[in-house]
N, C-alpha and C. Protein backbone atom coordinates (compact mmCIF):
# COMPACT_ATOMS: atom_id res chain seq x y z
N MET A 1 -212.28 122.10 145.14
CA MET A 1 -212.92 120.86 145.49
C MET A 1 -214.33 120.80 144.91
N GLU A 2 -215.04 121.91 144.98
CA GLU A 2 -216.41 121.92 144.46
C GLU A 2 -216.42 121.65 142.96
N ARG A 3 -215.46 122.23 142.24
CA ARG A 3 -215.38 122.03 140.80
C ARG A 3 -215.12 120.55 140.48
N ARG A 4 -214.23 119.95 141.21
CA ARG A 4 -213.88 118.55 140.97
C ARG A 4 -215.05 117.62 141.29
N PHE A 5 -215.76 117.89 142.35
CA PHE A 5 -216.92 117.07 142.70
C PHE A 5 -218.00 117.21 141.63
N LYS A 6 -218.19 118.41 141.14
CA LYS A 6 -219.17 118.65 140.07
C LYS A 6 -218.81 117.83 138.82
N GLN A 7 -217.51 117.75 138.51
CA GLN A 7 -217.07 116.94 137.37
C GLN A 7 -217.45 115.48 137.58
N HIS A 8 -217.32 114.98 138.78
CA HIS A 8 -217.73 113.60 139.07
C HIS A 8 -219.23 113.44 138.88
N GLN A 9 -220.00 114.40 139.34
CA GLN A 9 -221.46 114.31 139.26
C GLN A 9 -221.97 114.32 137.82
N ILE A 10 -221.37 115.10 136.94
CA ILE A 10 -221.87 115.21 135.57
C ILE A 10 -221.29 114.17 134.63
N GLY A 11 -220.42 113.29 135.13
CA GLY A 11 -219.89 112.21 134.32
C GLY A 11 -218.62 112.57 133.56
N HIS A 12 -217.97 113.64 133.92
CA HIS A 12 -216.73 114.04 133.27
C HIS A 12 -215.58 113.09 133.60
N THR A 13 -215.66 112.46 134.76
CA THR A 13 -214.62 111.55 135.23
C THR A 13 -215.01 110.11 134.88
N PRO A 14 -214.19 109.41 134.08
CA PRO A 14 -214.55 108.06 133.65
C PRO A 14 -214.86 107.07 134.78
N SER A 15 -214.13 107.16 135.88
CA SER A 15 -214.33 106.20 136.97
C SER A 15 -215.68 106.36 137.67
N THR A 16 -216.29 107.52 137.57
CA THR A 16 -217.58 107.75 138.24
C THR A 16 -218.70 108.05 137.25
N LYS A 17 -218.44 107.86 135.98
CA LYS A 17 -219.40 108.21 134.93
C LYS A 17 -220.75 107.50 135.10
N ARG A 18 -220.72 106.21 135.45
CA ARG A 18 -221.96 105.44 135.55
C ARG A 18 -222.63 105.51 136.93
N MET A 19 -222.00 106.16 137.86
CA MET A 19 -222.56 106.26 139.21
C MET A 19 -223.57 107.40 139.27
N LYS A 20 -224.68 107.13 139.89
CA LYS A 20 -225.72 108.15 140.04
C LYS A 20 -225.87 108.50 141.51
N GLY A 21 -226.24 109.73 141.78
CA GLY A 21 -226.51 110.16 143.15
C GLY A 21 -225.27 110.19 144.04
N LEU A 22 -224.15 110.65 143.49
CA LEU A 22 -222.94 110.74 144.30
C LEU A 22 -223.13 111.75 145.43
N GLU A 23 -222.53 111.44 146.56
CA GLU A 23 -222.64 112.30 147.73
C GLU A 23 -221.25 112.44 148.35
N LEU A 24 -220.85 113.66 148.64
CA LEU A 24 -219.58 113.90 149.30
C LEU A 24 -219.75 113.62 150.79
N VAL A 25 -218.99 112.66 151.31
CA VAL A 25 -219.12 112.28 152.72
C VAL A 25 -217.91 112.67 153.54
N PHE A 26 -216.83 113.09 152.87
CA PHE A 26 -215.62 113.43 153.61
C PHE A 26 -214.73 114.33 152.77
N SER A 27 -214.11 115.28 153.40
CA SER A 27 -213.06 116.09 152.76
C SER A 27 -212.11 116.55 153.85
N GLN A 28 -210.87 116.77 153.44
CA GLN A 28 -209.86 117.23 154.38
C GLN A 28 -208.87 118.10 153.62
N LYS A 29 -208.44 119.19 154.23
CA LYS A 29 -207.47 120.08 153.60
C LYS A 29 -206.05 119.63 153.93
N PHE A 30 -205.16 119.85 152.96
CA PHE A 30 -203.75 119.52 153.15
C PHE A 30 -202.92 120.74 152.81
N ASP A 31 -201.67 120.72 153.27
CA ASP A 31 -200.79 121.87 153.05
C ASP A 31 -200.36 122.03 151.60
N SER A 32 -200.34 120.93 150.86
CA SER A 32 -199.91 121.02 149.46
C SER A 32 -200.70 120.04 148.60
N LEU A 33 -200.73 120.29 147.31
CA LEU A 33 -201.38 119.40 146.36
C LEU A 33 -200.66 118.06 146.34
N LYS A 34 -199.34 118.08 146.45
CA LYS A 34 -198.55 116.85 146.45
C LYS A 34 -198.95 115.95 147.61
N GLU A 35 -199.09 116.54 148.80
CA GLU A 35 -199.50 115.77 149.97
C GLU A 35 -200.91 115.21 149.79
N ALA A 36 -201.82 116.02 149.28
CA ALA A 36 -203.20 115.58 149.07
C ALA A 36 -203.27 114.42 148.08
N ARG A 37 -202.52 114.50 147.01
CA ARG A 37 -202.52 113.42 146.01
C ARG A 37 -201.89 112.15 146.57
N HIS A 38 -200.88 112.30 147.41
CA HIS A 38 -200.25 111.14 148.04
C HIS A 38 -201.26 110.41 148.93
N ILE A 39 -201.98 111.15 149.73
CA ILE A 39 -202.99 110.56 150.62
C ILE A 39 -204.12 109.95 149.79
N GLU A 40 -204.53 110.62 148.73
CA GLU A 40 -205.59 110.09 147.87
C GLU A 40 -205.19 108.72 147.30
N GLN A 41 -203.97 108.58 146.84
CA GLN A 41 -203.50 107.30 146.31
C GLN A 41 -203.52 106.22 147.39
N LYS A 42 -203.13 106.57 148.60
CA LYS A 42 -203.18 105.59 149.70
C LYS A 42 -204.62 105.17 149.99
N LEU A 43 -205.54 106.12 149.97
CA LEU A 43 -206.95 105.81 150.22
C LEU A 43 -207.50 104.89 149.14
N LYS A 44 -207.14 105.14 147.90
CA LYS A 44 -207.64 104.32 146.79
C LYS A 44 -207.14 102.89 146.88
N LYS A 45 -206.00 102.67 147.53
CA LYS A 45 -205.44 101.33 147.66
C LYS A 45 -206.03 100.56 148.84
N LEU A 46 -206.72 101.25 149.74
CA LEU A 46 -207.29 100.57 150.91
C LEU A 46 -208.34 99.56 150.46
N LYS A 47 -208.25 98.36 150.97
CA LYS A 47 -209.20 97.31 150.62
C LYS A 47 -210.25 97.09 151.71
N ARG A 48 -209.91 97.47 152.93
CA ARG A 48 -210.83 97.22 154.04
C ARG A 48 -211.78 98.40 154.21
N HIS A 49 -213.06 98.10 154.05
CA HIS A 49 -214.07 99.15 154.15
C HIS A 49 -214.18 99.72 155.56
N ASP A 50 -213.80 98.93 156.57
CA ASP A 50 -213.88 99.44 157.93
C ASP A 50 -212.91 100.60 158.15
N TYR A 51 -211.76 100.59 157.47
CA TYR A 51 -210.83 101.73 157.56
C TYR A 51 -211.47 102.99 156.99
N LEU A 52 -212.10 102.84 155.84
CA LEU A 52 -212.74 104.00 155.20
C LEU A 52 -213.90 104.52 156.07
N GLU A 53 -214.68 103.61 156.64
CA GLU A 53 -215.78 104.02 157.52
C GLU A 53 -215.25 104.78 158.73
N LYS A 54 -214.14 104.31 159.28
CA LYS A 54 -213.55 104.99 160.45
C LYS A 54 -213.09 106.39 160.09
N ILE A 55 -212.49 106.55 158.92
CA ILE A 55 -212.05 107.87 158.46
C ILE A 55 -213.25 108.81 158.36
N VAL A 56 -214.31 108.34 157.75
CA VAL A 56 -215.51 109.18 157.59
C VAL A 56 -216.11 109.51 158.96
N ASN A 57 -216.23 108.51 159.83
CA ASN A 57 -216.82 108.73 161.16
C ASN A 57 -215.97 109.64 162.03
N ASP A 58 -214.65 109.48 161.97
CA ASP A 58 -213.74 110.31 162.78
C ASP A 58 -213.62 111.72 162.23
N GLY A 59 -213.76 111.87 160.92
CA GLY A 59 -213.67 113.19 160.31
C GLY A 59 -212.26 113.61 159.96
N PHE A 60 -211.30 112.69 160.02
CA PHE A 60 -209.94 113.01 159.60
C PHE A 60 -209.19 111.73 159.27
N ILE A 61 -208.08 111.89 158.54
CA ILE A 61 -207.27 110.76 158.09
C ILE A 61 -206.03 110.66 158.96
N LYS A 62 -205.72 109.45 159.42
CA LYS A 62 -204.49 109.22 160.19
C LYS A 62 -203.59 108.27 159.41
N ILE A 63 -203.21 108.67 158.20
CA ILE A 63 -202.30 107.86 157.39
C ILE A 63 -200.96 108.59 157.36
N ALA A 64 -199.91 107.88 157.65
CA ALA A 64 -198.58 108.48 157.64
C ALA A 64 -198.24 108.94 156.23
N ASN A 65 -197.75 110.13 156.11
CA ASN A 65 -197.41 110.71 154.81
C ASN A 65 -195.93 110.53 154.53
N LYS A 66 -195.55 109.36 154.05
CA LYS A 66 -194.13 109.10 153.76
C LYS A 66 -193.98 108.57 152.38
């Protein structure tokens, strides 16, 4: 995770290349890479910022993994 975040900070990732001062506000461990990527895709599709704020404030994700 640290390596991946560092890639975002130095501009290695196109989607975050122009962003400055990135800060990690949330992380969660999963049993498998497949599960983690599935949840990541669901998070990226979320349009309501209040859902994302709740996840950060609660400290965990309650998205069904199906």
